[in-house]
N, C-alpha and C. Protein backbone atom coordinates (compact mmCIF):
# COMPACT_ATOMS: atom_id res chain seq x y z
N MET A 1 27.70 -24.92 24.06
CA MET A 1 28.72 -24.18 23.37
C MET A 1 28.02 -23.66 21.95
N LYS A 2 28.39 -22.51 21.65
CA LYS A 2 27.87 -21.89 20.36
C LYS A 2 28.47 -22.68 19.23
N PRO A 3 27.72 -22.93 18.09
CA PRO A 3 28.38 -23.57 17.02
C PRO A 3 29.18 -22.59 16.20
N ARG A 4 30.07 -23.22 15.47
CA ARG A 4 30.96 -22.47 14.50
C ARG A 4 30.36 -22.76 13.14
N PHE A 5 30.17 -21.75 12.27
CA PHE A 5 29.58 -21.92 11.01
C PHE A 5 30.75 -21.97 9.96
N ILE A 6 30.74 -23.01 9.21
CA ILE A 6 31.86 -23.23 8.26
C ILE A 6 31.27 -23.29 6.86
N TYR A 7 31.65 -22.33 5.94
CA TYR A 7 31.19 -22.26 4.60
C TYR A 7 32.15 -23.06 3.62
N ILE A 8 31.40 -23.98 2.82
CA ILE A 8 32.13 -24.73 1.87
C ILE A 8 31.59 -24.31 0.45
N HIS A 9 32.32 -23.53 -0.39
CA HIS A 9 31.72 -23.03 -1.60
C HIS A 9 31.64 -24.14 -2.65
N GLY A 10 31.08 -23.68 -3.80
CA GLY A 10 30.94 -24.68 -4.90
C GLY A 10 32.22 -24.71 -5.80
N ASN A 11 32.07 -25.53 -6.85
CA ASN A 11 33.26 -25.69 -7.80
C ASN A 11 33.23 -24.51 -8.75
N GLY A 12 34.35 -24.50 -9.59
CA GLY A 12 34.36 -23.64 -10.68
C GLY A 12 34.87 -22.24 -10.35
N GLY A 13 35.06 -21.97 -9.09
CA GLY A 13 35.55 -20.53 -8.74
C GLY A 13 36.89 -20.61 -8.26
N ASP A 14 37.52 -19.44 -7.87
CA ASP A 14 38.86 -19.35 -7.48
C ASP A 14 38.97 -18.72 -6.04
N ASP A 15 37.69 -18.40 -5.57
CA ASP A 15 37.60 -17.72 -4.30
C ASP A 15 36.16 -17.98 -3.62
N TRP A 16 36.19 -17.92 -2.28
CA TRP A 16 34.95 -18.19 -1.60
C TRP A 16 33.93 -16.92 -1.61
N ARG A 17 34.36 -15.84 -1.97
CA ARG A 17 33.70 -14.53 -1.81
C ARG A 17 32.83 -14.24 -3.07
N SER A 18 31.99 -15.34 -3.33
CA SER A 18 31.02 -15.05 -4.47
C SER A 18 29.56 -14.72 -4.04
N ALA A 19 28.90 -13.79 -4.74
CA ALA A 19 27.53 -13.44 -4.56
C ALA A 19 27.30 -13.05 -3.14
N TRP A 20 26.58 -13.91 -2.39
CA TRP A 20 26.08 -13.59 -1.10
C TRP A 20 26.95 -14.00 0.13
N ALA A 21 28.03 -14.76 -0.21
CA ALA A 21 28.89 -15.31 0.85
C ALA A 21 29.41 -14.28 1.83
N GLU A 22 30.00 -13.25 1.42
CA GLU A 22 30.56 -12.17 2.25
C GLU A 22 29.46 -11.68 3.14
N TRP A 23 28.27 -11.38 2.57
CA TRP A 23 27.15 -10.81 3.41
C TRP A 23 26.74 -11.85 4.41
N LEU A 24 26.69 -13.01 4.15
CA LEU A 24 26.23 -14.12 5.17
C LEU A 24 27.29 -14.25 6.22
N LYS A 25 28.56 -14.18 5.86
CA LYS A 25 29.61 -14.22 6.94
C LYS A 25 29.38 -13.13 7.84
N ARG A 26 29.35 -11.81 7.43
CA ARG A 26 29.17 -10.77 8.27
C ARG A 26 27.90 -10.72 9.12
N GLU A 27 26.78 -11.37 8.63
CA GLU A 27 25.45 -11.39 9.42
C GLU A 27 25.59 -12.49 10.41
N ILE A 28 26.21 -13.58 10.23
CA ILE A 28 26.42 -14.67 11.18
C ILE A 28 27.35 -14.12 12.21
N GLU A 29 28.38 -13.41 12.00
CA GLU A 29 29.31 -12.88 13.03
C GLU A 29 28.59 -11.83 13.85
N LYS A 30 27.61 -11.12 13.25
CA LYS A 30 26.80 -10.10 14.06
C LYS A 30 26.04 -10.85 15.02
N LEU A 31 25.62 -12.06 14.75
CA LEU A 31 24.91 -12.81 15.76
C LEU A 31 25.76 -13.46 16.88
N GLY A 32 27.09 -13.22 16.85
CA GLY A 32 27.98 -13.67 17.94
C GLY A 32 28.60 -14.98 17.61
N PHE A 33 28.52 -15.58 16.37
CA PHE A 33 29.02 -16.89 16.18
C PHE A 33 30.39 -16.79 15.45
N GLU A 34 31.24 -17.69 15.67
CA GLU A 34 32.54 -17.74 14.92
C GLU A 34 32.22 -18.38 13.54
N THR A 35 32.89 -17.84 12.43
CA THR A 35 32.78 -18.34 11.20
C THR A 35 34.09 -18.66 10.59
N VAL A 36 34.09 -19.71 9.62
CA VAL A 36 35.24 -19.88 8.75
C VAL A 36 34.71 -19.93 7.36
N PHE A 37 35.11 -18.95 6.54
CA PHE A 37 34.73 -18.87 5.18
C PHE A 37 36.16 -18.71 4.49
N GLU A 38 36.55 -19.76 3.78
CA GLU A 38 37.86 -19.62 3.18
C GLU A 38 37.78 -20.39 1.75
N THR A 39 38.61 -20.07 0.88
CA THR A 39 38.74 -20.91 -0.41
C THR A 39 39.36 -22.20 -0.10
N MET A 40 38.62 -23.25 -0.56
CA MET A 40 39.18 -24.64 -0.54
C MET A 40 40.17 -24.87 -1.54
N PRO A 41 40.93 -25.86 -1.17
CA PRO A 41 42.06 -26.23 -2.23
C PRO A 41 41.36 -26.88 -3.34
N ASP A 42 41.95 -26.83 -4.53
CA ASP A 42 41.34 -27.39 -5.83
C ASP A 42 40.00 -26.81 -6.09
N PRO A 43 39.82 -25.41 -5.99
CA PRO A 43 38.39 -24.86 -6.07
C PRO A 43 37.75 -25.08 -7.42
N ALA A 44 38.52 -25.23 -8.59
CA ALA A 44 37.79 -25.29 -9.82
C ALA A 44 37.17 -26.66 -9.89
N ALA A 45 37.79 -27.88 -9.55
CA ALA A 45 37.24 -29.18 -9.64
C ALA A 45 36.58 -29.66 -8.30
N ALA A 46 36.93 -29.11 -7.20
CA ALA A 46 36.31 -29.50 -6.07
C ALA A 46 36.36 -30.95 -5.64
N ARG A 47 37.43 -31.72 -5.97
CA ARG A 47 37.52 -33.04 -5.83
C ARG A 47 37.51 -33.48 -4.38
N ALA A 48 36.80 -34.62 -4.11
CA ALA A 48 36.69 -35.23 -2.80
C ALA A 48 38.00 -35.56 -2.16
N LYS A 49 38.92 -36.08 -3.05
CA LYS A 49 40.22 -36.45 -2.46
C LYS A 49 41.00 -35.42 -1.83
N TYR A 50 40.72 -34.07 -2.20
CA TYR A 50 41.38 -32.94 -1.46
C TYR A 50 40.40 -32.31 -0.50
N TRP A 51 39.10 -32.16 -0.75
CA TRP A 51 38.28 -31.43 0.05
C TRP A 51 37.95 -32.16 1.29
N LEU A 52 37.65 -33.35 1.36
CA LEU A 52 37.23 -34.10 2.56
C LEU A 52 38.41 -34.20 3.58
N PRO A 53 39.60 -34.51 3.13
CA PRO A 53 40.76 -34.48 4.12
C PRO A 53 40.95 -32.99 4.59
N TYR A 54 40.89 -32.07 3.78
CA TYR A 54 40.87 -30.72 4.14
C TYR A 54 39.99 -30.33 5.27
N MET A 55 38.71 -30.73 5.08
CA MET A 55 37.63 -30.38 6.02
C MET A 55 37.98 -31.00 7.42
N LYS A 56 38.57 -32.24 7.37
CA LYS A 56 38.86 -32.91 8.59
C LYS A 56 40.21 -32.40 9.22
N ASN A 57 41.23 -32.35 8.43
CA ASN A 57 42.52 -32.09 9.04
C ASN A 57 42.77 -30.63 9.17
N GLU A 58 42.43 -29.74 8.26
CA GLU A 58 42.68 -28.39 8.35
C GLU A 58 41.58 -27.57 9.02
N LEU A 59 40.39 -27.72 8.59
CA LEU A 59 39.25 -27.00 9.12
C LEU A 59 38.89 -27.61 10.45
N LYS A 60 39.15 -28.86 10.60
CA LYS A 60 38.83 -29.60 11.86
C LYS A 60 37.40 -29.44 12.19
N ILE A 61 36.47 -29.79 11.19
CA ILE A 61 35.10 -29.75 11.25
C ILE A 61 34.58 -30.95 12.21
N GLY A 62 33.84 -30.53 13.35
CA GLY A 62 33.43 -31.67 14.23
C GLY A 62 32.02 -31.35 14.88
N GLU A 63 31.89 -31.90 16.02
CA GLU A 63 30.54 -31.95 16.62
C GLU A 63 29.88 -30.49 16.92
N ASP A 64 30.73 -29.53 17.15
CA ASP A 64 30.26 -28.15 17.34
C ASP A 64 29.98 -27.35 16.16
N ASP A 65 30.13 -27.91 14.96
CA ASP A 65 30.17 -27.11 13.79
C ASP A 65 28.97 -27.44 12.83
N VAL A 66 28.48 -26.16 12.21
CA VAL A 66 27.49 -26.39 11.22
C VAL A 66 28.11 -26.03 9.81
N ILE A 67 28.05 -26.97 8.99
CA ILE A 67 28.46 -26.72 7.70
C ILE A 67 27.44 -26.05 6.77
N ILE A 68 27.83 -24.99 6.15
CA ILE A 68 26.96 -24.27 5.08
C ILE A 68 27.56 -24.64 3.75
N GLY A 69 27.01 -25.62 2.99
CA GLY A 69 27.58 -26.15 1.79
C GLY A 69 26.85 -25.59 0.60
N TYR A 70 27.50 -25.06 -0.30
CA TYR A 70 26.84 -24.45 -1.52
C TYR A 70 27.22 -25.31 -2.78
N SER A 71 26.21 -25.92 -3.37
CA SER A 71 26.35 -26.59 -4.62
C SER A 71 27.33 -27.76 -4.41
N SER A 72 28.51 -27.88 -5.05
CA SER A 72 29.44 -28.86 -4.71
C SER A 72 29.94 -28.89 -3.30
N GLY A 73 29.87 -27.80 -2.56
CA GLY A 73 30.13 -27.76 -1.18
C GLY A 73 29.05 -28.37 -0.39
N ALA A 74 27.84 -28.46 -0.82
CA ALA A 74 26.75 -29.05 -0.17
C ALA A 74 26.92 -30.57 -0.40
N VAL A 75 27.37 -31.00 -1.47
CA VAL A 75 27.68 -32.45 -1.77
C VAL A 75 28.78 -32.89 -0.85
N ALA A 76 29.86 -32.06 -0.73
CA ALA A 76 31.01 -32.39 0.22
C ALA A 76 30.53 -32.53 1.61
N ALA A 77 29.59 -31.59 2.01
CA ALA A 77 29.03 -31.57 3.45
C ALA A 77 28.30 -32.82 3.72
N MET A 78 27.56 -33.34 2.75
CA MET A 78 26.86 -34.70 2.92
C MET A 78 27.79 -35.83 2.99
N ARG A 79 28.82 -35.88 2.08
CA ARG A 79 29.76 -36.92 2.14
C ARG A 79 30.44 -36.95 3.53
N TYR A 80 30.93 -35.69 4.00
CA TYR A 80 31.66 -35.57 5.23
C TYR A 80 30.82 -36.11 6.38
N ALA A 81 29.54 -35.81 6.39
CA ALA A 81 28.65 -36.16 7.45
C ALA A 81 28.43 -37.72 7.46
N GLU A 82 28.67 -38.41 6.47
CA GLU A 82 28.55 -39.81 6.44
C GLU A 82 29.51 -40.55 7.40
N THR A 83 30.62 -39.82 7.70
CA THR A 83 31.62 -40.50 8.67
C THR A 83 31.97 -39.67 9.84
N THR A 84 31.47 -38.40 9.91
CA THR A 84 31.93 -37.50 10.97
C THR A 84 30.71 -36.82 11.65
N LYS A 85 30.58 -36.74 12.99
CA LYS A 85 29.59 -36.07 13.68
C LYS A 85 29.76 -34.52 13.58
N ILE A 86 28.73 -33.86 13.14
CA ILE A 86 28.65 -32.32 13.07
C ILE A 86 27.35 -32.05 13.80
N LYS A 87 27.31 -30.64 14.06
CA LYS A 87 26.20 -30.13 14.83
C LYS A 87 24.90 -30.11 13.76
N GLY A 88 25.29 -29.63 12.48
CA GLY A 88 24.23 -29.50 11.57
C GLY A 88 24.84 -29.15 10.17
N SER A 89 23.81 -29.08 9.25
CA SER A 89 24.21 -28.66 7.88
C SER A 89 23.15 -27.87 7.21
N ILE A 90 23.61 -26.84 6.36
CA ILE A 90 22.62 -26.08 5.51
C ILE A 90 23.11 -26.36 4.18
N LEU A 91 22.35 -27.20 3.42
CA LEU A 91 22.77 -27.69 2.07
C LEU A 91 22.00 -26.80 1.05
N ILE A 92 22.78 -25.97 0.28
CA ILE A 92 22.32 -25.01 -0.62
C ILE A 92 22.57 -25.56 -2.02
N SER A 93 21.49 -25.75 -2.80
CA SER A 93 21.47 -26.28 -4.16
C SER A 93 22.40 -27.60 -4.27
N PRO A 94 22.12 -28.51 -3.42
CA PRO A 94 22.84 -29.88 -3.41
C PRO A 94 22.39 -30.76 -4.59
N SER A 95 23.18 -31.73 -4.94
CA SER A 95 22.79 -32.77 -5.79
C SER A 95 23.18 -34.15 -5.28
N TYR A 96 22.68 -35.24 -5.55
CA TYR A 96 23.08 -36.59 -5.24
C TYR A 96 23.65 -37.32 -6.38
N THR A 97 23.48 -36.83 -7.56
CA THR A 97 24.04 -37.46 -8.79
C THR A 97 25.09 -36.42 -9.43
N ASP A 98 25.80 -37.00 -10.35
CA ASP A 98 26.79 -36.19 -11.07
C ASP A 98 26.12 -35.32 -12.23
N LEU A 99 24.84 -35.49 -12.37
CA LEU A 99 23.99 -34.69 -13.32
C LEU A 99 24.48 -34.89 -14.76
N GLY A 100 25.24 -35.87 -15.04
CA GLY A 100 25.80 -36.08 -16.33
C GLY A 100 26.93 -35.09 -16.73
N ASP A 101 27.44 -34.46 -15.77
CA ASP A 101 28.53 -33.43 -15.97
C ASP A 101 29.85 -34.04 -15.70
N GLU A 102 30.77 -33.89 -16.62
CA GLU A 102 32.18 -34.51 -16.44
C GLU A 102 32.92 -33.98 -15.27
N THR A 103 32.88 -32.78 -15.03
CA THR A 103 33.43 -32.26 -13.78
C THR A 103 32.97 -32.89 -12.53
N GLU A 104 31.68 -32.89 -12.47
CA GLU A 104 31.06 -33.50 -11.28
C GLU A 104 31.33 -35.00 -11.14
N LYS A 105 31.30 -35.69 -12.22
CA LYS A 105 31.71 -37.12 -12.37
C LYS A 105 33.12 -37.32 -11.79
N ALA A 106 34.10 -36.48 -12.30
CA ALA A 106 35.50 -36.62 -11.84
C ALA A 106 35.79 -36.13 -10.48
N SER A 107 34.85 -35.62 -9.85
CA SER A 107 34.97 -34.99 -8.44
C SER A 107 35.14 -36.14 -7.43
N GLY A 108 34.62 -37.31 -7.67
CA GLY A 108 34.75 -38.49 -6.70
C GLY A 108 33.63 -38.49 -5.62
N TYR A 109 32.70 -37.61 -5.68
CA TYR A 109 31.72 -37.77 -4.64
C TYR A 109 30.57 -38.71 -5.07
N PHE A 110 30.40 -39.07 -6.34
CA PHE A 110 29.36 -39.88 -6.80
C PHE A 110 29.77 -41.33 -7.19
N ASP A 111 30.85 -41.69 -6.71
CA ASP A 111 31.49 -43.04 -6.95
C ASP A 111 30.77 -44.07 -6.05
N GLU A 112 30.38 -43.73 -4.83
CA GLU A 112 29.80 -44.73 -3.87
C GLU A 112 28.39 -44.42 -3.57
N LYS A 113 27.73 -45.47 -3.08
CA LYS A 113 26.28 -45.28 -2.70
C LYS A 113 26.18 -44.31 -1.58
N TRP A 114 25.17 -43.56 -1.57
CA TRP A 114 24.93 -42.56 -0.40
C TRP A 114 24.57 -43.31 0.86
N LEU A 115 25.11 -42.91 2.02
CA LEU A 115 24.86 -43.52 3.27
C LEU A 115 23.82 -42.56 3.99
N TRP A 116 22.64 -42.47 3.52
CA TRP A 116 21.65 -41.45 4.11
C TRP A 116 21.40 -41.51 5.61
N ASN A 117 21.29 -42.75 6.05
CA ASN A 117 21.08 -42.95 7.48
C ASN A 117 22.20 -42.44 8.46
N ASP A 118 23.46 -42.54 7.84
CA ASP A 118 24.62 -42.07 8.58
C ASP A 118 24.64 -40.52 8.58
N ILE A 119 24.29 -40.09 7.46
CA ILE A 119 24.24 -38.62 7.27
C ILE A 119 23.32 -38.02 8.40
N LYS A 120 22.11 -38.69 8.40
CA LYS A 120 21.19 -38.19 9.50
C LYS A 120 21.59 -38.39 10.80
N ALA A 121 22.23 -39.54 11.19
CA ALA A 121 22.62 -39.91 12.55
C ALA A 121 23.80 -39.02 12.94
N ASN A 122 24.43 -38.40 12.11
CA ASN A 122 25.78 -37.81 12.52
C ASN A 122 25.55 -36.25 12.70
N GLN A 123 24.28 -35.91 12.63
CA GLN A 123 23.95 -34.43 12.91
C GLN A 123 22.46 -34.20 13.49
N LYS A 124 22.33 -33.08 14.15
CA LYS A 124 21.06 -32.82 14.77
C LYS A 124 20.08 -32.16 13.89
N LYS A 125 20.53 -31.23 13.09
CA LYS A 125 19.73 -30.34 12.25
C LYS A 125 20.21 -30.27 10.88
N MET A 126 19.23 -30.30 9.84
CA MET A 126 19.65 -30.13 8.55
C MET A 126 18.60 -29.29 7.74
N ALA A 127 19.01 -28.52 6.91
CA ALA A 127 18.10 -27.80 5.96
C ALA A 127 18.59 -27.94 4.56
N VAL A 128 17.63 -28.11 3.63
CA VAL A 128 18.01 -28.01 2.24
C VAL A 128 17.41 -26.81 1.66
N VAL A 129 18.24 -25.99 0.94
CA VAL A 129 17.73 -24.73 0.38
C VAL A 129 17.91 -24.79 -1.18
N TRP A 130 16.95 -24.37 -1.87
CA TRP A 130 17.11 -24.45 -3.33
C TRP A 130 16.08 -23.47 -4.04
N GLY A 131 16.54 -23.07 -5.16
CA GLY A 131 15.65 -22.21 -6.06
C GLY A 131 14.70 -23.12 -6.90
N ASP A 132 13.45 -22.62 -6.90
CA ASP A 132 12.42 -23.34 -7.59
C ASP A 132 12.63 -23.32 -9.19
N ASN A 133 13.60 -22.57 -9.62
CA ASN A 133 13.92 -22.55 -11.00
C ASN A 133 15.54 -22.60 -11.29
N ASP A 134 16.06 -23.52 -10.46
CA ASP A 134 17.64 -23.77 -10.61
C ASP A 134 17.84 -24.18 -12.16
N PRO A 135 18.68 -23.56 -12.83
CA PRO A 135 19.00 -23.97 -14.12
C PRO A 135 20.03 -25.07 -14.35
N TYR A 136 20.55 -25.47 -13.28
CA TYR A 136 21.63 -26.58 -13.32
C TYR A 136 21.26 -27.85 -12.61
N ILE A 137 20.42 -27.67 -11.65
CA ILE A 137 20.11 -28.93 -10.90
C ILE A 137 18.56 -29.13 -10.88
N PRO A 138 18.11 -30.40 -11.29
CA PRO A 138 16.77 -30.63 -11.47
C PRO A 138 16.05 -30.61 -10.05
N GLN A 139 14.79 -30.17 -10.07
CA GLN A 139 13.97 -30.11 -8.80
C GLN A 139 13.93 -31.54 -8.12
N SER A 140 13.91 -32.55 -9.01
CA SER A 140 13.88 -33.91 -8.42
C SER A 140 15.15 -34.27 -7.57
N GLU A 141 16.17 -33.66 -7.81
CA GLU A 141 17.45 -33.83 -7.02
C GLU A 141 17.13 -33.36 -5.53
N PHE A 142 16.63 -32.17 -5.41
CA PHE A 142 16.34 -31.60 -4.13
C PHE A 142 15.28 -32.43 -3.33
N ALA A 143 14.23 -32.92 -4.08
CA ALA A 143 13.16 -33.62 -3.48
C ALA A 143 13.69 -34.91 -2.95
N TYR A 144 14.62 -35.57 -3.73
CA TYR A 144 15.13 -36.88 -3.29
C TYR A 144 15.95 -36.77 -2.02
N ILE A 145 16.83 -35.66 -2.02
CA ILE A 145 17.71 -35.38 -0.85
C ILE A 145 16.85 -35.08 0.37
N VAL A 146 15.85 -34.30 0.34
CA VAL A 146 14.99 -33.95 1.42
C VAL A 146 14.28 -35.12 1.89
N LEU A 147 13.82 -36.02 0.99
CA LEU A 147 13.13 -37.26 1.38
C LEU A 147 13.98 -38.21 2.14
N HIS A 148 15.24 -38.27 1.77
CA HIS A 148 16.18 -39.35 2.33
C HIS A 148 16.77 -38.67 3.72
N LEU A 149 16.92 -37.43 3.74
CA LEU A 149 17.54 -36.90 5.01
C LEU A 149 16.46 -36.41 5.94
N GLY A 150 15.07 -36.17 5.58
CA GLY A 150 14.23 -35.68 6.43
C GLY A 150 14.54 -34.21 6.80
N ALA A 151 15.26 -33.50 5.96
CA ALA A 151 15.66 -32.18 6.31
C ALA A 151 14.54 -31.09 6.08
N GLU A 152 14.73 -30.06 6.84
CA GLU A 152 13.89 -28.91 6.66
C GLU A 152 13.95 -28.35 5.20
N ARG A 153 12.85 -28.04 4.60
CA ARG A 153 12.80 -27.72 3.36
C ARG A 153 12.77 -26.08 3.14
N ILE A 154 13.62 -25.43 2.38
CA ILE A 154 13.53 -23.98 2.21
C ILE A 154 13.70 -23.80 0.61
N LYS A 155 12.49 -23.81 0.03
CA LYS A 155 12.40 -23.63 -1.40
C LYS A 155 12.21 -22.19 -1.71
N VAL A 156 13.09 -21.48 -2.36
CA VAL A 156 13.13 -20.11 -2.80
C VAL A 156 12.47 -19.79 -4.08
N PRO A 157 11.38 -19.16 -4.09
CA PRO A 157 10.78 -18.75 -5.41
C PRO A 157 11.75 -17.99 -6.29
N MET A 158 11.92 -18.38 -7.50
CA MET A 158 12.83 -17.50 -8.48
C MET A 158 14.30 -17.40 -7.98
N GLY A 159 14.77 -18.36 -7.19
CA GLY A 159 16.05 -18.27 -6.56
C GLY A 159 17.13 -18.76 -7.59
N LYS A 160 16.82 -19.45 -8.57
CA LYS A 160 17.78 -20.03 -9.50
C LYS A 160 18.80 -20.75 -8.79
N HIS A 161 20.10 -20.44 -9.07
CA HIS A 161 21.25 -21.24 -8.48
C HIS A 161 21.89 -20.26 -7.48
N PHE A 162 21.28 -19.17 -7.10
CA PHE A 162 21.69 -18.20 -6.15
C PHE A 162 22.97 -17.50 -6.46
N GLN A 163 23.48 -17.49 -7.74
CA GLN A 163 24.68 -16.92 -8.11
C GLN A 163 24.75 -15.49 -8.22
N THR A 164 23.55 -14.82 -8.30
CA THR A 164 23.53 -13.34 -8.43
C THR A 164 23.04 -12.63 -7.17
N LYS A 165 22.49 -13.38 -6.20
CA LYS A 165 22.01 -12.80 -4.93
C LYS A 165 23.15 -12.04 -4.18
N GLN A 166 22.78 -10.91 -3.56
CA GLN A 166 23.81 -10.22 -2.89
C GLN A 166 23.58 -10.40 -1.32
N ASP A 167 22.34 -10.87 -0.94
CA ASP A 167 22.12 -11.36 0.44
C ASP A 167 21.36 -12.61 0.38
N PHE A 168 21.20 -13.16 1.53
CA PHE A 168 20.45 -14.49 1.54
C PHE A 168 19.62 -14.65 2.83
N MET A 169 18.54 -13.82 2.94
CA MET A 169 17.76 -13.78 4.10
C MET A 169 17.13 -15.15 4.51
N ASP A 170 16.85 -15.90 3.41
CA ASP A 170 16.26 -17.28 3.82
C ASP A 170 17.25 -18.09 4.70
N ILE A 171 18.50 -18.00 4.43
CA ILE A 171 19.44 -18.74 5.29
C ILE A 171 19.53 -18.12 6.66
N LEU A 172 19.77 -16.72 6.66
CA LEU A 172 19.78 -16.14 7.83
C LEU A 172 18.60 -16.34 8.76
N LYS A 173 17.46 -16.34 8.30
CA LYS A 173 16.25 -16.63 9.06
C LYS A 173 16.25 -18.03 9.73
N TYR A 174 16.73 -19.00 8.80
CA TYR A 174 16.80 -20.38 9.38
C TYR A 174 17.89 -20.45 10.47
N ILE A 175 19.02 -19.81 10.24
CA ILE A 175 20.08 -19.81 11.33
C ILE A 175 19.57 -19.26 12.56
N LYS A 176 18.92 -18.14 12.50
CA LYS A 176 18.37 -17.45 13.76
C LYS A 176 17.36 -18.33 14.52
N LYS A 177 16.57 -19.09 13.72
CA LYS A 177 15.65 -20.12 14.32
C LYS A 177 16.23 -21.31 14.80
N ALA A 178 17.10 -21.92 14.11
CA ALA A 178 17.74 -23.29 14.48
C ALA A 178 18.78 -23.09 15.45
N TYR A 179 19.50 -22.03 15.44
CA TYR A 179 20.60 -21.92 16.33
C TYR A 179 20.57 -20.43 17.01
N PRO A 180 19.65 -20.34 17.97
CA PRO A 180 19.51 -19.01 18.73
C PRO A 180 20.86 -18.69 19.34
N SER A 181 21.20 -17.35 19.24
CA SER A 181 22.47 -16.93 19.67
C SER A 181 22.49 -16.58 21.17
N THR A 182 21.33 -16.55 21.85
CA THR A 182 21.33 -16.30 23.18
C THR A 182 21.13 -17.48 24.10
C-alpha cells in the first residue's frame, strides 16, 4: 500500500501554507501519493494536549502514514511515534529540549523523558533535515536526535530554519528514494 504523507506544521503560525509547504504538497501528489496538509488546532502554541489527540483521532495517523513534521511539528511527530506505529517520519528542524523558550516549555512535549527506542521501533524509515546555520535550534540538538534515532541525515547548507524557501528539493529527493511511487 502506498503511504499517505501527513504534514504537521510548526508553532507560531495560523495556517499550514507557509514557505515551501504548498509546493511540497503539490510535488508529493504528482508522485501519486495521498497527502494531508492542514492547519492544526492551537497553531500558535502547538500544545501536545491538543495536537497528539488530533493526530490520533482526527488525522488517524497509523502504520501506512509518513509524518512530515516541521519544527514543533517534528517534535510532535517524535512524541506521536513513541506510542503509535507509523511508516516513517521526516523530521525538519526538530529539537529534543525546550531550548529555554517559554512557548516551547509550555507546549508539554518536553515534560517527559524521550523514549528513543520506542520511536525507532514504531517506524521503518526516518530522516532528520536541518539547516547548518539554523538561527533558532543549535546544531547539537540535531546531532543528538540523529544519534538516538539512527535516522538518515540531511544537512542543508545555508538552510537556516527553512522559513523563506519556496521549494524543498532535499525533502522531495528523499521521498523519491525512500518511498518509490511505482
